Amino acid sequence: MFFRGLGSLLSYAILALGCYKAGFGIYLAMTVSDPQFAARRYLAADTTGEAINMGLTYILGAVVLGLLVQIAHGVSNWGAEYEDEE
């Protein structure tokens, strides 16, 4: 129970970080005159493309972690249901 909640919270935090990195990378790429300098300064990446790629990777990882948490929740409920019948 504790680890499912922690995994869910972690999944949402990673999703928020990924959306921030990807969105801010796109914003910097479209509006700043020197996007490479801005990416180094604000996103800790060499280019805005790298920041967008890292953000999308974080989003994918958050989705996978969220699916694993949902599977764990379903399996724990399923196992408890069959323990009572035996």
PDB file of N, CA and C in Angstrom:
ATOM      1  N   MET A   1       0.822  -1.184   0.000  1.00  0.00           N
ATOM      2  CA  MET A   1       0.000   0.000   0.000  1.00  0.00           C
ATOM      3  C   MET A   1       0.876   1.261   0.000  1.00  0.00           C
ATOM      4  N   PHE A   2       1.859   1.290   0.858  1.00  0.00           N
ATOM      5  CA  PHE A   2       2.742   2.454   0.939  1.00  0.00           C
ATOM      6  C   PHE A   2       3.509   2.655  -0.365  1.00  0.00           C
ATOM      7  N   PHE A   3       4.010   1.554  -0.935  1.00  0.00           N
ATOM      8  CA  PHE A   3       4.829   1.672  -2.139  1.00  0.00           C
ATOM      9  C   PHE A   3       3.989   2.022  -3.361  1.00  0.00           C
ATOM     10  N   ARG A   4       2.728   1.607  -3.371  1.00  0.00           N
ATOM     11  CA  ARG A   4       1.849   2.004  -4.477  1.00  0.00           C
ATOM     12  C   ARG A   4       1.609   3.504  -4.451  1.00  0.00           C
ATOM     13  N   GLY A   5       1.371   4.045  -3.267  1.00  0.00           N
ATOM     14  CA  GLY A   5       1.176   5.491  -3.146  1.00  0.00           C
ATOM     15  C   GLY A   5       2.433   6.265  -3.502  1.00  0.00           C
ATOM     16  N   LEU A   6       3.569   5.755  -3.038  1.00  0.00           N
ATOM     17  CA  LEU A   6       4.842   6.398  -3.348  1.00  0.00           C
ATOM     18  C   LEU A   6       5.135   6.332  -4.845  1.00  0.00           C
ATOM     19  N   GLY A   7       4.854   5.195  -5.454  1.00  0.00           N
ATOM     20  CA  GLY A   7       5.068   5.053  -6.899  1.00  0.00           C
ATOM     21  C   GLY A   7       4.159   5.978  -7.696  1.00  0.00           C
ATOM     22  N   SER A   8       2.932   6.123  -7.248  1.00  0.00           N
ATOM     23  CA  SER A   8       2.002   7.025  -7.919  1.00  0.00           C
ATOM     24  C   SER A   8       2.450   8.479  -7.798  1.00  0.00           C
ATOM     25  N   LEU A   9       2.864   8.869  -6.614  1.00  0.00           N
ATOM     26  CA  LEU A   9       3.357  10.227  -6.403  1.00  0.00           C
ATOM     27  C   LEU A   9       4.612  10.497  -7.245  1.00  0.00           C
ATOM     28  N   LEU A  10       5.511   9.535  -7.274  1.00  0.00           N
ATOM     29  CA  LEU A  10       6.729   9.667  -8.065  1.00  0.00           C
ATOM     30  C   LEU A  10       6.411   9.761  -9.551  1.00  0.00           C
ATOM     31  N   SER A  11       5.433   8.997  -9.994  1.00  0.00           N
ATOM     32  CA  SER A  11       5.031   9.049 -11.394  1.00  0.00           C
ATOM     33  C   SER A  11       4.508  10.429 -11.771  1.00  0.00           C
ATOM     34  N   TYR A  12       3.677  11.010 -10.905  1.00  0.00           N
ATOM     35  CA  TYR A  12       3.170  12.354 -11.190  1.00  0.00           C
ATOM     36  C   TYR A  12       4.289  13.397 -11.167  1.00  0.00           C
ATOM     37  N   ALA A  13       5.236  13.252 -10.265  1.00  0.00           N
ATOM     38  CA  ALA A  13       6.348  14.209 -10.192  1.00  0.00           C
ATOM     39  C   ALA A  13       7.224  14.128 -11.440  1.00  0.00           C
ATOM     40  N   ILE A  14       7.491  12.907 -11.895  1.00  0.00           N
ATOM     41  CA  ILE A  14       8.305  12.744 -13.107  1.00  0.00           C
ATOM     42  C   ILE A  14       7.555  13.266 -14.316  1.00  0.00           C
ATOM     43  N   LEU A  15       6.240  13.043 -14.363  1.00  0.00           N
ATOM     44  CA  LEU A  15       5.431  13.560 -15.470  1.00  0.00           C
ATOM     45  C   LEU A  15       5.472  15.085 -15.505  1.00  0.00           C
ATOM     46  N   ALA A  16       5.353  15.721 -14.344  1.00  0.00           N
ATOM     47  CA  ALA A  16       5.405  17.184 -14.286  1.00  0.00           C
ATOM     48  C   ALA A  16       6.771  17.703 -14.732  1.00  0.00           C
ATOM     49  N   LEU A  17       7.841  17.042 -14.285  1.00  0.00           N
ATOM     50  CA  LEU A  17       9.185  17.457 -14.689  1.00  0.00           C
ATOM     51  C   LEU A  17       9.381  17.297 -16.194  1.00  0.00           C
ATOM     52  N   GLY A  18       8.888  16.191 -16.752  1.00  0.00           N
ATOM     53  CA  GLY A  18       9.014  15.960 -18.190  1.00  0.00           C
ATOM     54  C   GLY A  18       8.242  16.980 -18.999  1.00  0.00           C
ATOM     55  N   CYS A  19       7.032  17.310 -18.556  1.00  0.00           N
ATOM     56  CA  CYS A  19       6.237  18.327 -19.257  1.00  0.00           C
ATOM     57  C   CYS A  19       6.899  19.694 -19.174  1.00  0.00           C
ATOM     58  N   TYR A  20       7.471  20.005 -18.021  1.00  0.00           N
ATOM     59  CA  TYR A  20       8.180  21.281 -17.868  1.00  0.00           C
ATOM     60  C   TYR A  20       9.370  21.350 -18.816  1.00  0.00           C
ATOM     61  N   LYS A  21      10.181  20.284 -18.836  1.00  0.00           N
ATOM     62  CA  LYS A  21      11.395  20.306 -19.660  1.00  0.00           C
ATOM     63  C   LYS A  21      11.059  20.374 -21.149  1.00  0.00           C
ATOM     64  N   ALA A  22      10.103  19.566 -21.583  1.00  0.00           N
ATOM     65  CA  ALA A  22       9.731  19.567 -22.996  1.00  0.00           C
ATOM     66  C   ALA A  22       9.059  20.881 -23.393  1.00  0.00           C
ATOM     67  N   GLY A  23       8.134  21.346 -22.572  1.00  0.00           N
ATOM     68  CA  GLY A  23       7.429  22.591 -22.888  1.00  0.00           C
ATOM     69  C   GLY A  23       8.338  23.800 -22.876  1.00  0.00           C
ATOM     70  N   PHE A  24       9.189  23.888 -21.879  1.00  0.00           N
ATOM     71  CA  PHE A  24      10.101  25.030 -21.802  1.00  0.00           C
ATOM     72  C   PHE A  24      11.153  24.951 -22.900  1.00  0.00           C
ATOM     73  N   GLY A  25      11.557  23.735 -23.280  1.00  0.00           N
ATOM     74  CA  GLY A  25      12.489  23.584 -24.401  1.00  0.00           C
ATOM     75  C   GLY A  25      11.888  24.071 -25.706  1.00  0.00           C
ATOM     76  N   ILE A  26      10.619  23.736 -25.939  1.00  0.00           N
ATOM     77  CA  ILE A  26       9.936  24.215 -27.147  1.00  0.00           C
ATOM     78  C   ILE A  26       9.783  25.727 -27.100  1.00  0.00           C
ATOM     79  N   TYR A  27       9.416  26.244 -25.940  1.00  0.00           N
ATOM     80  CA  TYR A  27       9.264  27.694 -25.791  1.00  0.00           C
ATOM     81  C   TYR A  27      10.574  28.427 -26.074  1.00  0.00           C
ATOM     82  N   LEU A  28      11.671  27.933 -25.504  1.00  0.00           N
ATOM     83  CA  LEU A  28      12.966  28.580 -25.730  1.00  0.00           C
ATOM     84  C   LEU A  28      13.398  28.469 -27.186  1.00  0.00           C
ATOM     85  N   ALA A  29      13.115  27.341 -27.806  1.00  0.00           N
ATOM     86  CA  ALA A  29      13.511  27.158 -29.206  1.00  0.00           C
ATOM     87  C   ALA A  29      12.774  28.125 -30.125  1.00  0.00           C
ATOM     88  N   MET A  30      11.548  28.486 -29.759  1.00  0.00           N
ATOM     89  CA  MET A  30      10.749  29.337 -30.634  1.00  0.00           C
ATOM     90  C   MET A  30      10.915  30.834 -30.360  1.00  0.00           C
ATOM     91  N   THR A  31      11.324  31.212 -29.164  1.00  0.00           N
ATOM     92  CA  THR A  31      11.282  32.631 -28.823  1.00  0.00           C
ATOM     93  C   THR A  31      12.643  33.292 -28.603  1.00  0.00           C
ATOM     94  N   VAL A  32      13.649  32.548 -28.204  1.00  0.00           N
ATOM     95  CA  VAL A  32      14.926  33.148 -27.826  1.00  0.00           C
ATOM     96  C   VAL A  32      15.823  33.254 -29.050  1.00  0.00           C
ATOM     97  N   SER A  33      16.625  34.331 -29.104  1.00  0.00           N
ATOM     98  CA  SER A  33      17.519  34.522 -30.239  1.00  0.00           C
ATOM     99  C   SER A  33      18.697  33.547 -30.213  1.00  0.00           C
ATOM    100  N   ASP A  34      19.161  33.154 -29.028  1.00  0.00           N
ATOM    101  CA  ASP A  34      20.245  32.177 -28.895  1.00  0.00           C
ATOM    102  C   ASP A  34      19.754  31.001 -28.047  1.00  0.00           C
ATOM    103  N   PRO A  35      19.052  30.046 -28.675  1.00  0.00           N
ATOM    104  CA  PRO A  35      18.454  28.960 -27.890  1.00  0.00           C
ATOM    105  C   PRO A  35      19.480  28.027 -27.256  1.00  0.00           C
ATOM    106  N   GLN A  36      20.660  27.910 -27.860  1.00  0.00           N
ATOM    107  CA  GLN A  36      21.673  27.020 -27.289  1.00  0.00           C
ATOM    108  C   GLN A  36      22.163  27.560 -25.940  1.00  0.00           C
ATOM    109  N   PHE A  37      22.401  28.847 -25.857  1.00  0.00           N
ATOM    110  CA  PHE A  37      22.817  29.464 -24.591  1.00  0.00           C
ATOM    111  C   PHE A  37      21.705  29.362 -23.552  1.00  0.00           C
ATOM    112  N   ALA A  38      20.478  29.615 -23.975  1.00  0.00           N
ATOM    113  CA  ALA A  38      19.344  29.548 -23.037  1.00  0.00           C
ATOM    114  C   ALA A  38      19.134  28.123 -22.534  1.00  0.00           C
ATOM    115  N   ALA A  39      19.332  27.142 -23.393  1.00  0.00           N
ATOM    116  CA  ALA A  39      19.178  25.748 -22.966  1.00  0.00           C
ATOM    117  C   ALA A  39      20.239  25.376 -21.943  1.00  0.00           C
ATOM    118  N   ARG A  40      21.462  25.825 -22.166  1.00  0.00           N
ATOM    119  CA  ARG A  40      22.518  25.554 -21.183  1.00  0.00           C
ATOM    120  C   ARG A  40      22.228  26.236 -19.853  1.00  0.00           C
ATOM    121  N   ARG A  41      21.717  27.448 -19.929  1.00  0.00           N
ATOM    122  CA  ARG A  41      21.500  28.220 -18.699  1.00  0.00           C
ATOM    123  C   ARG A  41      20.292  27.739 -17.906  1.00  0.00           C
ATOM    124  N   TYR A  42      19.174  27.481 -18.578  1.00  0.00           N
ATOM    125  CA  TYR A  42      17.931  27.204 -17.867  1.00  0.00           C
ATOM    126  C   TYR A  42      17.546  25.725 -17.802  1.00  0.00           C
ATOM    127  N   LEU A  43      18.004  24.918 -18.738  1.00  0.00           N
ATOM    128  CA  LEU A  43      17.533  23.536 -18.806  1.00  0.00           C
ATOM    129  C   LEU A  43      18.614  22.502 -18.552  1.00  0.00           C
ATOM    130  N   ALA A  44      19.834  22.909 -18.326  1.00  0.00           N
ATOM    131  CA  ALA A  44      20.955  21.988 -18.088  1.00  0.00           C
ATOM    132  C   ALA A  44      21.103  20.993 -19.229  1.00  0.00           C
ATOM    133  N   ALA A  45      20.983  21.487 -20.457  1.00  0.00           N
ATOM    134  CA  ALA A  45      21.144  20.661 -21.652  1.00  0.00           C
ATOM    135  C   ALA A  45      21.967  21.459 -22.657  1.00  0.00           C
ATOM    136  N   ASP A  46      22.613  20.753 -23.583  1.00  0.00           N
ATOM    137  CA  ASP A  46      23.440  21.449 -24.568  1.00  0.00           C
ATOM    138  C   ASP A  46      22.597  22.212 -25.587  1.00  0.00           C
ATOM    139  N   THR A  47      21.480  21.640 -25.994  1.00  0.00           N
ATOM    140  CA  THR A  47      20.609  22.292 -26.972  1.00  0.00           C
ATOM    141  C   THR A  47      19.158  22.157 -26.516  1.00  0.00           C
ATOM    142  N   THR A  48      18.279  22.921 -27.153  1.00  0.00           N
ATOM    143  CA  THR A  48      16.862  22.802 -26.825  1.00  0.00           C
ATOM    144  C   THR A  48      16.306  21.463 -27.297  1.00  0.00           C
ATOM    145  N   GLY A  49      16.835  20.945 -28.383  1.00  0.00           N
ATOM    146  CA  GLY A  49      16.399  19.639 -28.861  1.00  0.00           C
ATOM    147  C   GLY A  49      16.706  18.536 -27.869  1.00  0.00           C
ATOM    148  N   GLU A  50      17.865  18.615 -27.256  1.00  0.00           N
ATOM    149  CA  GLU A  50      18.224  17.633 -26.228  1.00  0.00           C
ATOM    150  C   GLU A  50      17.303  17.753 -25.020  1.00  0.00           C
ATOM    151  N   ALA A  51      16.947  18.972 -24.640  1.00  0.00           N
ATOM    152  CA  ALA A  51      16.034  19.167 -23.514  1.00  0.00           C
ATOM    153  C   ALA A  51      14.649  18.613 -23.827  1.00  0.00           C
ATOM    154  N   ILE A  52      14.176  18.835 -25.051  1.00  0.00           N
ATOM    155  CA  ILE A  52      12.878  18.296 -25.455  1.00  0.00           C
ATOM    156  C   ILE A  52      12.916  16.775 -25.449  1.00  0.00           C
ATOM    157  N   ASN A  53      13.994  16.202 -25.955  1.00  0.00           N
ATOM    158  CA  ASN A  53      14.140  14.750 -25.965  1.00  0.00           C
ATOM    159  C   ASN A  53      14.155  14.180 -24.544  1.00  0.00           C
ATOM    160  N   MET A  54      14.877  14.827 -23.639  1.00  0.00           N
ATOM    161  CA  MET A  54      14.911  14.368 -22.246  1.00  0.00           C
ATOM    162  C   MET A  54      13.526  14.481 -21.610  1.00  0.00           C
ATOM    163  N   GLY A  55      12.816  15.553 -21.914  1.00  0.00           N
ATOM    164  CA  GLY A  55      11.466  15.731 -21.376  1.00  0.00           C
ATOM    165  C   GLY A  55      10.518  14.650 -21.854  1.00  0.00           C
ATOM    166  N   LEU A  56      10.588  14.315 -23.126  1.00  0.00           N
ATOM    167  CA  LEU A  56       9.733  13.252 -23.657  1.00  0.00           C
ATOM    168  C   LEU A  56      10.111  11.895 -23.082  1.00  0.00           C
ATOM    169  N   THR A  57      11.397  11.680 -22.825  1.00  0.00           N
ATOM    170  CA  THR A  57      11.831  10.433 -22.181  1.00  0.00           C
ATOM    171  C   THR A  57      11.289  10.351 -20.758  1.00  0.00           C
ATOM    172  N   TYR A  58      11.301  11.476 -20.032  1.00  0.00           N
ATOM    173  CA  TYR A  58      10.736  11.502 -18.682  1.00  0.00           C
ATOM    174  C   TYR A  58       9.235  11.199 -18.722  1.00  0.00           C
ATOM    175  N   ILE A  59       8.542  11.769 -19.689  1.00  0.00           N
ATOM    176  CA  ILE A  59       7.104  11.526 -19.810  1.00  0.00           C
ATOM    177  C   ILE A  59       6.834  10.051 -20.072  1.00  0.00           C
ATOM    178  N   LEU A  60       7.608   9.445 -20.963  1.00  0.00           N
ATOM    179  CA  LEU A  60       7.446   8.018 -21.248  1.00  0.00           C
ATOM    180  C   LEU A  60       7.730   7.179 -20.002  1.00  0.00           C
ATOM    181  N   GLY A  61       8.775   7.524 -19.269  1.00  0.00           N
ATOM    182  CA  GLY A  61       9.088   6.802 -18.040  1.00  0.00           C
ATOM    183  C   GLY A  61       7.989   6.946 -17.000  1.00  0.00           C
ATOM    184  N   ALA A  62       7.393   8.130 -16.906  1.00  0.00           N
ATOM    185  CA  ALA A  62       6.306   8.344 -15.947  1.00  0.00           C
ATOM    186  C   ALA A  62       5.075   7.526 -16.318  1.00  0.00           C
ATOM    187  N   VAL A  63       4.786   7.426 -17.606  1.00  0.00           N
ATOM    188  CA  VAL A  63       3.652   6.618 -18.044  1.00  0.00           C
ATOM    189  C   VAL A  63       3.890   5.147 -17.718  1.00  0.00           C
ATOM    190  N   VAL A  64       5.100   4.661 -17.964  1.00  0.00           N
ATOM    191  CA  VAL A  64       5.425   3.264 -17.656  1.00  0.00           C
ATOM    192  C   VAL A  64       5.323   3.010 -16.157  1.00  0.00           C
ATOM    193  N   LEU A  65       5.857   3.912 -15.346  1.00  0.00           N
ATOM    194  CA  LEU A  65       5.775   3.756 -13.897  1.00  0.00           C
ATOM    195  C   LEU A  65       4.323   3.794 -13.427  1.00  0.00           C
ATOM    196  N   GLY A  66       3.528   4.684 -13.986  1.00  0.00           N
ATOM    197  CA  GLY A  66       2.114   4.749 -13.640  1.00  0.00           C
ATOM    198  C   GLY A  66       1.373   3.471 -14.003  1.00  0.00           C
ATOM    199  N   LEU A  67       1.689   2.896 -15.166  1.00  0.00           N
ATOM    200  CA  LEU A  67       1.078   1.622 -15.543  1.00  0.00           C
ATOM    201  C   LEU A  67       1.489   0.504 -14.600  1.00  0.00           C
ATOM    202  N   LEU A  68       2.745   0.479 -14.199  1.00  0.00           N
ATOM    203  CA  LEU A  68       3.195  -0.541 -13.247  1.00  0.00           C
ATOM    204  C   LEU A  68       2.498  -0.396 -11.899  1.00  0.00           C
ATOM    205  N   VAL A  69       2.270   0.834 -11.463  1.00  0.00           N
ATOM    206  CA  VAL A  69       1.558   1.055 -10.209  1.00  0.00           C
ATOM    207  C   VAL A  69       0.116   0.559 -10.332  1.00  0.00           C
ATOM    208  N   GLN A  70      -0.529   0.825 -11.471  1.00  0.00           N
ATOM    209  CA  GLN A  70      -1.891   0.355 -11.671  1.00  0.00           C
ATOM    210  C   GLN A  70      -1.955  -1.170 -11.719  1.00  0.00           C
ATOM    211  N   ILE A  71      -0.975  -1.793 -12.346  1.00  0.00           N
ATOM    212  CA  ILE A  71      -0.920  -3.253 -12.382  1.00  0.00           C
ATOM    213  C   ILE A  71      -0.730  -3.803 -10.971  1.00  0.00           C
ATOM    214  N   ALA A  72       0.149  -3.195 -10.186  1.00  0.00           N
ATOM    215  CA  ALA A  72       0.362  -3.643  -8.811  1.00  0.00           C
ATOM    216  C   ALA A  72      -0.909  -3.493  -7.982  1.00  0.00           C
ATOM    217  N   HIS A  73      -1.638  -2.425  -8.199  1.00  0.00           N
ATOM    218  CA  HIS A  73      -2.894  -2.218  -7.483  1.00  0.00           C
ATOM    219  C   HIS A  73      -3.906  -3.299  -7.861  1.00  0.00           C
ATOM    220  N   GLY A  74      -4.009  -3.609  -9.143  1.00  0.00           N
ATOM    221  CA  GLY A  74      -4.938  -4.638  -9.594  1.00  0.00           C
ATOM    222  C   GLY A  74      -4.554  -6.023  -9.100  1.00  0.00           C
ATOM    223  N   VAL A  75      -3.276  -6.327  -9.105  1.00  0.00           N
ATOM    224  CA  VAL A  75      -2.807  -7.639  -8.652  1.00  0.00           C
ATOM    225  C   VAL A  75      -3.024  -7.792  -7.150  1.00  0.00           C
ATOM    226  N   SER A  76      -2.801  -6.747  -6.389  1.00  0.00           N
ATOM    227  CA  SER A  76      -2.994  -6.857  -4.938  1.00  0.00           C
ATOM    228  C   SER A  76      -4.469  -7.042  -4.605  1.00  0.00           C
ATOM    229  N   ASN A  77      -5.346  -6.373  -5.333  1.00  0.00           N
ATOM    230  CA  ASN A  77      -6.776  -6.565  -5.106  1.00  0.00           C
ATOM    231  C   ASN A  77      -7.226  -7.951  -5.558  1.00  0.00           C
ATOM    232  N   TRP A  78      -6.683  -8.435  -6.640  1.00  0.00           N
ATOM    233  CA  TRP A  78      -7.041  -9.743  -7.185  1.00  0.00           C
ATOM    234  C   TRP A  78      -6.590 -10.852  -6.254  1.00  0.00           C
ATOM    235  N   GLY A  79      -5.379 -10.745  -5.703  1.00  0.00           N
ATOM    236  CA  GLY A  79      -4.870 -11.748  -4.774  1.00  0.00           C
ATOM    237  C   GLY A  79      -5.657 -11.788  -3.492  1.00  0.00           C
ATOM    238  N   ALA A  80      -6.100 -10.632  -2.982  1.00  0.00           N
ATOM    239  CA  ALA A  80      -6.857 -10.606  -1.740  1.00  0.00           C
ATOM    240  C   ALA A  80      -8.237 -11.220  -1.946  1.00  0.00           C
ATOM    241  N   GLU A  81      -8.788 -11.093  -3.133  1.00  0.00           N
ATOM    242  CA  GLU A  81     -10.095 -11.644  -3.424  1.00  0.00           C
ATOM    243  C   GLU A  81     -10.083 -13.172  -3.392  1.00  0.00           C
ATOM    244  N   TYR A  82      -9.043 -13.774  -3.923  1.00  0.00           N
ATOM    245  CA  TYR A  82      -8.979 -15.235  -3.986  1.00  0.00           C
ATOM    246  C   TYR A  82      -8.498 -15.857  -2.680  1.00  0.00           C
ATOM    247  N   GLU A  83      -7.863 -15.112  -1.815  1.00  0.00           N
ATOM    248  CA  GLU A  83      -7.462 -15.643  -0.512  1.00  0.00           C
ATOM    249  C   GLU A  83      -8.677 -15.933   0.351  1.00  0.00           C
ATOM    250  N   ASP A  84      -9.712 -15.117   0.247  1.00  0.00           N
ATOM    251  CA  ASP A  84     -10.904 -15.290   1.066  1.00  0.00           C
ATOM    252  C   ASP A  84     -11.709 -16.515   0.638  1.00  0.00           C
ATOM    253  N   GLU A  85     -11.671 -16.887  -0.646  1.00  0.00           N
ATOM    254  CA  GLU A  85     -12.452 -18.004  -1.140  1.00  0.00           C
ATOM    255  C   GLU A  85     -11.890 -19.356  -0.724  1.00  0.00           C
ATOM    256  N   GLU A  86     -10.608 -19.459  -0.505  1.00  0.00           N
ATOM    257  CA  GLU A  86      -9.998 -20.763  -0.170  1.00  0.00           C
ATOM    258  C   GLU A  86     -10.270 -21.112   1.197  1.00  0.00           C
TER     259      GLU A  86
END
